[in-house]
C-alpha atoms as a PDB file:
ATOM      1  CA  MET A   1      21.279  22.220  17.656  1.00  0.00           C
ATOM      2  CA  PRO A   2      18.875  20.427  15.177  1.00  0.00           C
ATOM      3  CA  VAL A   3      16.425  22.918  13.292  1.00  0.00           C
ATOM      4  CA  PRO A   4      12.710  21.792  13.218  1.00  0.00           C
ATOM      5  CA  PRO A   5      11.324  21.512   9.299  1.00  0.00           C
ATOM      6  CA  GLY A   6       9.009  24.381   8.112  1.00  0.00           C
ATOM      7  CA  ARG A   7       7.275  23.932   4.802  1.00  0.00           C
ATOM      8  CA  GLY A   8       8.995  22.221   2.307  1.00  0.00           C
ATOM      9  CA  ASP A   9      11.896  22.287   4.568  1.00  0.00           C
ATOM     10  CA  GLY A  10      13.776  19.113   5.714  1.00  0.00           C
ATOM     11  CA  PRO A  11      15.785  18.618   8.935  1.00  0.00           C
ATOM     12  CA  GLY A  12      18.826  20.566   9.640  1.00  0.00           C
ATOM     13  CA  ALA A  13      21.425  21.759  12.167  1.00  0.00           C
ATOM     14  CA  ILE A  14      23.244  24.733  13.362  1.00  0.00           C
ATOM     15  CA  ALA A  15      26.367  24.685  14.725  1.00  0.00           C
ATOM     16  CA  PRO A  16      28.864  27.787  16.263  1.00  0.00           C
ATOM     17  CA  VAL A  17      32.479  28.958  14.927  1.00  0.00           C
ATOM     18  CA  PHE A  18      34.826  29.556  17.564  1.00  0.00           C
ATOM     19  CA  ASP A  19      38.533  31.110  17.076  1.00  0.00           C
ATOM     20  CA  GLU A  20      41.707  29.897  18.489  1.00  0.00           C
ATOM     21  CA  ASP A  21      40.402  32.190  22.171  1.00  0.00           C
ATOM     22  CA  GLY A  22      37.216  30.531  22.173  1.00  0.00           C
ATOM     23  CA  ASP A  23      35.015  33.484  21.208  1.00  0.00           C
ATOM     24  CA  LEU A  24      31.796  32.939  19.382  1.00  0.00           C
ATOM     25  CA  LEU A  25      32.520  34.019  15.600  1.00  0.00           C
ATOM     26  CA  GLN A  26      29.538  33.083  13.803  1.00  0.00           C
ATOM     27  CA  PHE A  27      26.998  30.492  13.288  1.00  0.00           C
ATOM     28  CA  VAL A  28      26.909  27.998  10.467  1.00  0.00           C
ATOM     29  CA  GLY A  29      24.165  25.710   9.499  1.00  0.00           C
ATOM     30  CA  TYR A  30      22.356  23.811   6.823  1.00  0.00           C
ATOM     31  CA  GLN A  31      18.599  22.666   5.949  1.00  0.00           C
ATOM     32  CA  GLN A  32      17.725  19.896   3.622  1.00  0.00           C
ATOM     33  CA  ASP A  33      15.435  21.409   0.845  1.00  0.00           C
ATOM     34  CA  VAL A  34      12.810  18.428   0.252  1.00  0.00           C
ATOM     35  CA  THR A  35      10.450  20.475  -1.421  1.00  0.00           C
ATOM     36  CA  GLU A  36      10.294  18.257  -4.700  1.00  0.00           C
ATOM     37  CA  ARG A  37       9.652  15.204  -2.646  1.00  0.00           C
ATOM     38  CA  VAL A  38       6.956  16.837  -0.861  1.00  0.00           C
ATOM     39  CA  GLU A  39       5.181  17.637  -4.044  1.00  0.00           C
ATOM     40  CA  TYR A  40       5.606  14.298  -5.226  1.00  0.00           C
ATOM     41  CA  ALA A  41       4.153  13.042  -2.408  1.00  0.00           C
ATOM     42  CA  ARG A  42       1.268  15.526  -2.797  1.00  0.00           C
ATOM     43  CA  GLN A  43       0.742  14.815  -6.464  1.00  0.00           C
ATOM     44  CA  LEU A  44       0.592  11.078  -5.595  1.00  0.00           C
ATOM     45  CA  GLU A  45      -2.138  11.474  -3.444  1.00  0.00           C
ATOM     46  CA  ALA A  46      -4.153  13.232  -5.700  1.00  0.00           C
ATOM     47  CA  GLN A  47      -3.282  10.893  -8.222  1.00  0.00           C
ATOM     48  CA  ASN A  48      -4.988   7.877  -5.876  1.00  0.00           C
ATOM     49  CA  GLU A  49      -7.705  10.017  -5.238  1.00  0.00           C
ATOM     50  CA  ARG A  50      -8.165  10.232  -9.107  1.00  0.00           C
ATOM     51  CA  LEU A  51      -7.831   6.660  -9.539  1.00  0.00           C
ATOM     52  CA  ASP A  52     -10.357   5.674  -6.327  1.00  0.00           C
ATOM     53  CA  GLN A  53     -13.027   7.704  -8.145  1.00  0.00           C
ATOM     54  CA  PHE A  54     -12.541   6.336 -11.532  1.00  0.00           C
ATOM     55  CA  VAL A  55     -12.762   2.718 -10.114  1.00  0.00           C
ATOM     56  CA  SER A  56     -16.392   4.280  -8.153  1.00  0.00           C
ATOM     57  CA  LEU A  57     -17.770   5.851 -11.813  1.00  0.00           C
ATOM     58  CA  VAL A  58     -16.906   2.471 -13.416  1.00  0.00           C
ATOM     59  CA  SER A  59     -18.107   0.005 -10.694  1.00  0.00           C
ATOM     60  CA  HIS A  60     -21.241   1.815 -10.337  1.00  0.00           C
ATOM     61  CA  ASP A  61     -22.298   4.406 -13.404  1.00  0.00           C
ATOM     62  CA  LEU A  62     -21.082   1.486 -15.794  1.00  0.00           C
ATOM     63  CA  ARG A  63     -21.970  -1.702 -14.269  1.00  0.00           C
ATOM     64  CA  ASN A  64     -25.513  -0.913 -13.404  1.00  0.00           C
ATOM     65  CA  PRO A  65     -26.806   0.037 -16.673  1.00  0.00           C
ATOM     66  CA  LEU A  66     -25.135  -3.396 -17.951  1.00  0.00           C
ATOM     67  CA  ASP A  67     -26.190  -5.246 -15.281  1.00  0.00           C
ATOM     68  CA  VAL A  68     -30.213  -4.196 -16.089  1.00  0.00           C
ATOM     69  CA  ALA A  69     -29.156  -4.827 -19.811  1.00  0.00           C
ATOM     70  CA  GLY A  70     -27.984  -8.262 -19.090  1.00  0.00           C
ATOM     71  CA  THR A  71     -31.510  -8.760 -17.211  1.00  0.00           C
ATOM     72  CA  ARG A  72     -33.493  -7.454 -20.229  1.00  0.00           C
ATOM     73  CA  LEU A  73     -31.612  -9.658 -22.393  1.00  0.00           C
ATOM     74  CA  ASN A  74     -32.324 -12.905 -20.452  1.00  0.00           C
ATOM     75  CA  LEU A  75     -35.850 -12.299 -20.250  1.00  0.00           C
ATOM     76  CA  ALA A  76     -35.987 -12.209 -23.798  1.00  0.00           C
ATOM     77  CA  GLN A  77     -34.065 -14.911 -24.743  1.00  0.00           C
ATOM     78  CA  GLN A  78     -36.713 -16.617 -22.412  1.00  0.00           C
ATOM     79  CA  LYS A  79     -39.292 -15.616 -25.077  1.00  0.00           C
ATOM     80  CA  ARG A  80     -37.550 -16.211 -28.208  1.00  0.00           C
ATOM     81  CA  ASP A  81     -34.368 -17.416 -30.103  1.00  0.00           C
ATOM     82  CA  SER A  82     -32.758 -14.780 -32.311  1.00  0.00           C
ATOM     83  CA  GLU A  83     -29.258 -14.354 -33.552  1.00  0.00           C
ATOM     84  CA  HIS A  84     -29.590 -10.798 -32.963  1.00  0.00           C
ATOM     85  CA  LEU A  85     -29.625 -11.608 -29.146  1.00  0.00           C
ATOM     86  CA  ASP A  86     -26.812 -13.656 -29.501  1.00  0.00           C
ATOM     87  CA  ALA A  87     -24.878 -11.274 -30.973  1.00  0.00           C
ATOM     88  CA  VAL A  88     -26.107  -8.833 -27.963  1.00  0.00           C
ATOM     89  CA  GLU A  89     -25.338 -10.882 -25.269  1.00  0.00           C
ATOM     90  CA  GLY A  90     -21.508 -11.274 -26.993  1.00  0.00           C
ATOM     91  CA  ALA A  91     -21.580  -7.563 -27.136  1.00  0.00           C
ATOM     92  CA  LEU A  92     -22.680  -7.239 -23.313  1.00  0.00           C
ATOM     93  CA  ASP A  93     -20.030 -10.064 -22.521  1.00  0.00           C
ATOM     94  CA  ARG A  94     -17.091  -7.708 -23.794  1.00  0.00           C
ATOM     95  CA  MET A  95     -18.345  -4.935 -22.184  1.00  0.00           C
ATOM     96  CA  GLU A  96     -18.531  -6.791 -18.847  1.00  0.00           C
ATOM     97  CA  ALA A  97     -14.652  -7.901 -19.664  1.00  0.00           C
ATOM     98  CA  LEU A  98     -13.617  -4.584 -20.498  1.00  0.00           C
ATOM     99  CA  VAL A  99     -14.909  -3.137 -17.691  1.00  0.00           C
ATOM    100  CA  GLU A 100     -12.904  -5.759 -15.414  1.00  0.00           C
ATOM    101  CA  ASP A 101      -9.721  -4.785 -17.385  1.00  0.00           C
ATOM    102  CA  LEU A 102     -10.426  -1.066 -16.797  1.00  0.00           C
ATOM    103  CA  LEU A 103     -10.946  -1.554 -12.907  1.00  0.00           C
ATOM    104  CA  THR A 104      -7.570  -3.648 -13.014  1.00  0.00           C
ATOM    105  CA  LEU A 105      -5.601  -0.665 -14.469  1.00  0.00           C
ATOM    106  CA  ALA A 106      -6.997   1.703 -12.345  1.00  0.00           C
ATOM    107  CA  ARG A 107      -5.994  -0.253  -9.072  1.00  0.00           C
ATOM    108  CA  GLY A 108      -2.802  -1.665 -10.224  1.00  0.00           C
ATOM    109  CA  GLY A 109      -1.820   2.104 -10.492  1.00  0.00           C
ATOM    110  CA  LYS A 110      -2.409   2.784  -7.080  1.00  0.00           C
ATOM    111  CA  GLN A 111       1.093   2.608  -4.987  1.00  0.00           C
ATOM    112  CA  ASP A 112       2.031   1.451  -1.490  1.00  0.00           C
ATOM    113  CA  VAL A 113       1.371  -2.002  -2.078  1.00  0.00           C
ATOM    114  CA  GLU A 114       3.115  -4.444   0.222  1.00  0.00           C
ATOM    115  CA  PRO A 115       5.320  -7.221  -1.028  1.00  0.00           C
ATOM    116  CA  GLU A 116       5.930 -11.014  -0.133  1.00  0.00           C
ATOM    117  CA  SER A 117       8.116 -13.892  -0.931  1.00  0.00           C
ATOM    118  CA  ILE A 118       5.887 -16.028  -3.203  1.00  0.00           C
ATOM    119  CA  PRO A 119       6.826 -19.673  -4.496  1.00  0.00           C
ATOM    120  CA  LEU A 120       6.122 -18.636  -8.258  1.00  0.00           C
ATOM    121  CA  GLY A 121       5.927 -22.145  -9.064  1.00  0.00           C
ATOM    122  CA  VAL A 122       2.721 -22.680  -6.307  1.00  0.00           C
ATOM    123  CA  LEU A 123       1.273 -19.736  -7.547  1.00  0.00           C
ATOM    124  CA  ALA A 124       1.653 -20.515 -11.032  1.00  0.00           C
ATOM    125  CA  GLU A 125      -0.386 -23.729 -10.509  1.00  0.00           C
ATOM    126  CA  GLN A 126      -2.932 -21.941  -8.535  1.00  0.00           C
ATOM    127  CA  CYS A 127      -3.613 -19.192 -11.312  1.00  0.00           C
ATOM    128  CA  TRP A 128      -3.883 -21.993 -13.761  1.00  0.00           C
ATOM    129  CA  ALA A 129      -7.010 -23.433 -12.260  1.00  0.00           C
ATOM    130  CA  HIS A 130      -8.348 -20.044 -12.242  1.00  0.00           C
ATOM    131  CA  VAL A 131      -8.119 -20.048 -16.096  1.00  0.00           C
ATOM    132  CA  GLU A 132     -10.269 -22.149 -18.566  1.00  0.00           C
ATOM    133  CA  THR A 133      -7.223 -24.203 -19.942  1.00  0.00           C
ATOM    134  CA  GLY A 134      -9.104 -26.998 -21.814  1.00  0.00           C
ATOM    135  CA  ASP A 135      -6.520 -29.526 -23.001  1.00  0.00           C
ATOM    136  CA  VAL A 136      -3.551 -27.309 -22.660  1.00  0.00           C
ATOM    137  CA  THR A 137      -0.844 -28.290 -19.850  1.00  0.00           C
ATOM    138  CA  LEU A 138       0.894 -26.303 -17.522  1.00  0.00           C
ATOM    139  CA  ASP A 139       4.936 -26.975 -17.407  1.00  0.00           C
ATOM    140  CA  VAL A 140       6.338 -25.367 -13.834  1.00  0.00           C
ATOM    141  CA  ALA A 141      10.076 -25.486 -14.623  1.00  0.00           C
ATOM    142  CA  SER A 142      10.673 -22.835 -11.354  1.00  0.00           C
ATOM    143  CA  ASP A 143      11.079 -22.936  -7.807  1.00  0.00           C
ATOM    144  CA  ARG A 144      12.160 -19.503  -7.449  1.00  0.00           C
ATOM    145  CA  THR A 145      10.708 -16.891  -4.999  1.00  0.00           C
ATOM    146  CA  VAL A 146       9.514 -13.872  -6.197  1.00  0.00           C
ATOM    147  CA  GLU A 147       8.968 -10.529  -4.177  1.00  0.00           C
ATOM    148  CA  ALA A 148       5.826  -9.168  -5.314  1.00  0.00           C
ATOM    149  CA  ASN A 149       2.230  -8.523  -4.194  1.00  0.00           C
ATOM    150  CA  ARG A 150       0.387 -11.648  -4.258  1.00  0.00           C
ATOM    151  CA  ASP A 151      -3.047 -10.415  -5.761  1.00  0.00           C
ATOM    152  CA  ARG A 152      -0.685  -8.225  -8.982  1.00  0.00           C
ATOM    153  CA  LEU A 153       1.713 -11.072  -9.325  1.00  0.00           C
ATOM    154  CA  SER A 154      -1.756 -13.876  -9.670  1.00  0.00           C
ATOM    155  CA  GLN A 155      -3.211 -11.206 -12.143  1.00  0.00           C
ATOM    156  CA  LEU A 156       0.069 -11.011 -13.913  1.00  0.00           C
ATOM    157  CA  LEU A 157       0.261 -14.733 -14.312  1.00  0.00           C
ATOM    158  CA  GLU A 158      -3.516 -15.042 -15.111  1.00  0.00           C
ATOM    159  CA  ASN A 159      -3.084 -12.722 -18.306  1.00  0.00           C
ATOM    160  CA  LEU A 160      -0.061 -14.215 -19.241  1.00  0.00           C
ATOM    161  CA  PHE A 161      -1.529 -17.394 -19.539  1.00  0.00           C
ATOM    162  CA  ARG A 162      -4.913 -16.014 -20.978  1.00  0.00           C
ATOM    163  CA  ASN A 163      -3.062 -14.591 -23.848  1.00  0.00           C
ATOM    164  CA  ALA A 164      -1.003 -18.015 -24.588  1.00  0.00           C
ATOM    165  CA  LEU A 165      -4.701 -20.015 -24.458  1.00  0.00           C
ATOM    166  CA  GLU A 166      -6.563 -17.273 -26.549  1.00  0.00           C
ATOM    167  CA  HIS A 167      -4.246 -16.056 -29.163  1.00  0.00           C
ATOM    168  CA  GLY A 168      -1.402 -18.300 -29.230  1.00  0.00           C
ATOM    169  CA  GLY A 169      -3.196 -20.489 -31.979  1.00  0.00           C
ATOM    170  CA  ASP A 170      -2.476 -24.375 -31.550  1.00  0.00           C
ATOM    171  CA  VAL A 171      -1.055 -24.424 -28.021  1.00  0.00           C
ATOM    172  CA  THR A 172      -0.483 -27.901 -26.317  1.00  0.00           C
ATOM    173  CA  THR A 173       1.817 -26.349 -23.257  1.00  0.00           C
ATOM    174  CA  VAL A 174       2.694 -23.389 -21.459  1.00  0.00           C
ATOM    175  CA  THR A 175       5.658 -23.439 -19.350  1.00  0.00           C
ATOM    176  CA  VAL A 176       6.930 -21.012 -16.353  1.00  0.00           C
ATOM    177  CA  GLY A 177      10.323 -20.838 -15.794  1.00  0.00           C
ATOM    178  CA  ALA A 178      13.333 -18.891 -13.748  1.00  0.00           C
ATOM    179  CA  LEU A 179      15.923 -16.560 -15.429  1.00  0.00           C
ATOM    180  CA  ASP A 180      18.975 -15.606 -13.632  1.00  0.00           C
ATOM    181  CA  ASP A 181      17.265 -12.338 -13.062  1.00  0.00           C
ATOM    182  CA  GLY A 182      13.521 -12.960 -13.251  1.00  0.00           C
ATOM    183  CA  PHE A 183      11.513 -15.564 -14.925  1.00  0.00           C
ATOM    184  CA  TYR A 184       9.385 -16.302 -18.119  1.00  0.00           C
ATOM    185  CA  VAL A 185       5.999 -17.434 -19.258  1.00  0.00           C
ATOM    186  CA  GLU A 186       6.338 -19.445 -22.299  1.00  0.00           C
ATOM    187  CA  ASP A 187       4.037 -21.409 -24.624  1.00  0.00           C
ATOM    188  CA  ASP A 188       4.495 -23.646 -27.904  1.00  0.00           C
ATOM    189  CA  GLY A 189       2.069 -22.068 -30.251  1.00  0.00           C
ATOM    190  CA  GLN A 190       2.167 -19.615 -33.185  1.00  0.00           C
ATOM    191  CA  GLY A 191       4.195 -17.084 -31.536  1.00  0.00           C
ATOM    192  CA  ILE A 192       4.357 -13.234 -32.297  1.00  0.00           C
ATOM    193  CA  PRO A 193       5.356 -11.689 -35.209  1.00  0.00           C
ATOM    194  CA  GLU A 194       8.737  -9.253 -34.411  1.00  0.00           C
ATOM    195  CA  ALA A 195       6.982  -6.456 -36.102  1.00  0.00           C
ATOM    196  CA  ASP A 196       4.511  -6.642 -33.324  1.00  0.00           C
ATOM    197  CA  ARG A 197       5.981  -7.550 -30.431  1.00  0.00           C
ATOM    198  CA  ASN A 198       6.656  -3.984 -29.073  1.00  0.00           C
ATOM    199  CA  ARG A 199       3.104  -3.152 -29.702  1.00  0.00           C
ATOM    200  CA  VAL A 200       1.432  -5.763 -28.085  1.00  0.00           C
ATOM    201  CA  PHE A 201       1.566  -4.159 -24.632  1.00  0.00           C
ATOM    202  CA  GLU A 202      -0.119  -0.824 -25.832  1.00  0.00           C
ATOM    203  CA  ASP A 203      -3.632  -0.150 -24.583  1.00  0.00           C
ATOM    204  CA  GLY A 204      -6.239  -1.355 -26.761  1.00  0.00           C
ATOM    205  CA  TYR A 205      -4.319  -3.464 -29.031  1.00  0.00           C
ATOM    206  CA  SER A 206      -5.468  -6.884 -29.732  1.00  0.00           C
ATOM    207  CA  THR A 207      -5.652  -9.142 -32.785  1.00  0.00           C
ATOM    208  CA  SER A 208      -8.645 -10.478 -31.966  1.00  0.00           C
ATOM    209  CA  ARG A 209     -12.214  -9.241 -32.496  1.00  0.00           C
ATOM    210  CA  ASP A 210     -13.355 -10.459 -29.092  1.00  0.00           C
ATOM    211  CA  GLY A 211     -10.141  -9.012 -27.001  1.00  0.00           C
ATOM    212  CA  THR A 212     -10.423  -6.050 -25.048  1.00  0.00           C
ATOM    213  CA  GLY A 213      -6.834  -5.132 -25.867  1.00  0.00           C
ATOM    214  CA  PHE A 214      -5.657  -4.206 -22.127  1.00  0.00           C
ATOM    215  CA  GLY A 215      -4.514  -7.871 -20.853  1.00  0.00           C
ATOM    216  CA  LEU A 216      -0.888  -7.593 -21.823  1.00  0.00           C
ATOM    217  CA  SER A 217      -1.334  -3.952 -20.787  1.00  0.00           C
ATOM    218  CA  ILE A 218      -1.935  -4.643 -17.551  1.00  0.00           C
ATOM    219  CA  VAL A 219       1.171  -7.205 -17.326  1.00  0.00           C
ATOM    220  CA  SER A 220       3.054  -4.163 -18.596  1.00  0.00           C
ATOM    221  CA  GLU A 221       1.603  -1.952 -15.644  1.00  0.00           C
ATOM    222  CA  PHE A 222       2.116  -4.322 -12.954  1.00  0.00           C
ATOM    223  CA  ALA A 223       5.550  -4.984 -13.677  1.00  0.00           C
ATOM    224  CA  ALA A 224       6.601  -1.315 -14.087  1.00  0.00           C
ATOM    225  CA  ALA A 225       5.122  -0.738 -10.708  1.00  0.00           C
ATOM    226  CA  ARG A 226       7.053  -3.059  -9.201  1.00  0.00           C
ATOM    227  CA  GLY A 227      10.040  -1.781 -10.922  1.00  0.00           C
ATOM    228  CA  TRP A 228      10.347  -4.957 -13.133  1.00  0.00           C
ATOM    229  CA  THR A 229      10.727  -4.961 -17.140  1.00  0.00           C
ATOM    230  CA  VAL A 230       8.818  -7.418 -19.256  1.00  0.00           C
ATOM    231  CA  SER A 231       9.635  -8.054 -22.957  1.00  0.00           C
ATOM    232  CA  VAL A 232       8.656 -10.614 -25.661  1.00  0.00           C
ATOM    233  CA  THR A 233      10.764 -12.740 -27.750  1.00  0.00           C
ATOM    234  CA  GLU A 234      10.275 -16.147 -29.539  1.00  0.00           C
ATOM    235  CA  GLY A 235      10.522 -19.141 -27.535  1.00  0.00           C
ATOM    236  CA  ASP A 236      12.223 -22.414 -27.974  1.00  0.00           C
ATOM    237  CA  ALA A 237       9.210 -24.120 -29.755  1.00  0.00           C
ATOM    238  CA  GLY A 238       8.405 -21.128 -31.848  1.00  0.00           C
ATOM    239  CA  GLY A 239       5.687 -19.567 -29.447  1.00  0.00           C
ATOM    240  CA  ALA A 240       5.417 -16.397 -27.391  1.00  0.00           C
ATOM    241  CA  ARG A 241       7.889 -16.302 -24.510  1.00  0.00           C
ATOM    242  CA  PHE A 242       7.582 -13.131 -22.017  1.00  0.00           C
ATOM    243  CA  GLU A 243      10.576 -12.475 -19.834  1.00  0.00           C
ATOM    244  CA  ILE A 244      10.227 -10.385 -16.563  1.00  0.00           C
ATOM    245  CA  LEU A 245      13.159  -9.102 -15.070  1.00  0.00           C
ATOM    246  CA  THR A 246      12.947  -8.667 -11.443  1.00  0.00           C
ATOM    247  CA  GLU A 247      16.245  -7.510 -10.234  1.00  0.00           C
END
């Protein structure tokens, strides 16, 4: 006999127990306690609500003043040239980049994103076209298919590409290749010192004055949300090699 679940209770059942003569002795039953699961679902829902509030705050309350400041700056630059105005423009650009990274982190923290089968090489080439690459070339050495959300995987690849181009030094080639249990993104630049390799994924860590320090943190967040792991080591040419394990 099934038992309907109550608040915090999972499904259960009750069965009669008879003696040798067929007389009813007792009933035995069980009911699954899913209190922790229900509480986790509530916490997850509350977390997603807070993230939505944060996205709304950043999108409106921070972007509007930045838009006003940018408009005023353009008007001022039309009237006169000044290194001080150029410095203001650089600061506003950095603030805009920081806002975008914070929004990406907030959206990336939400759960229940449906994955799909994505050809890694095809997506890598599409992402490469969205990044300012200069004379650097992309070498795709993988025909692997990855189970992931397309938008998140695109952001992960683009952030790794930008990191190589902006912090890798004299990079000439960025390579995307397959591993037995994942894939990697590698450059032939100056690499990352071993002592700094764990810190590069920390929020706000950057070796550049113009960097926001969130690019690789976003990579780490997206990987963790999918149950992947990401690490950095030295590539074959001495540059940085980011390995993403998906299995």
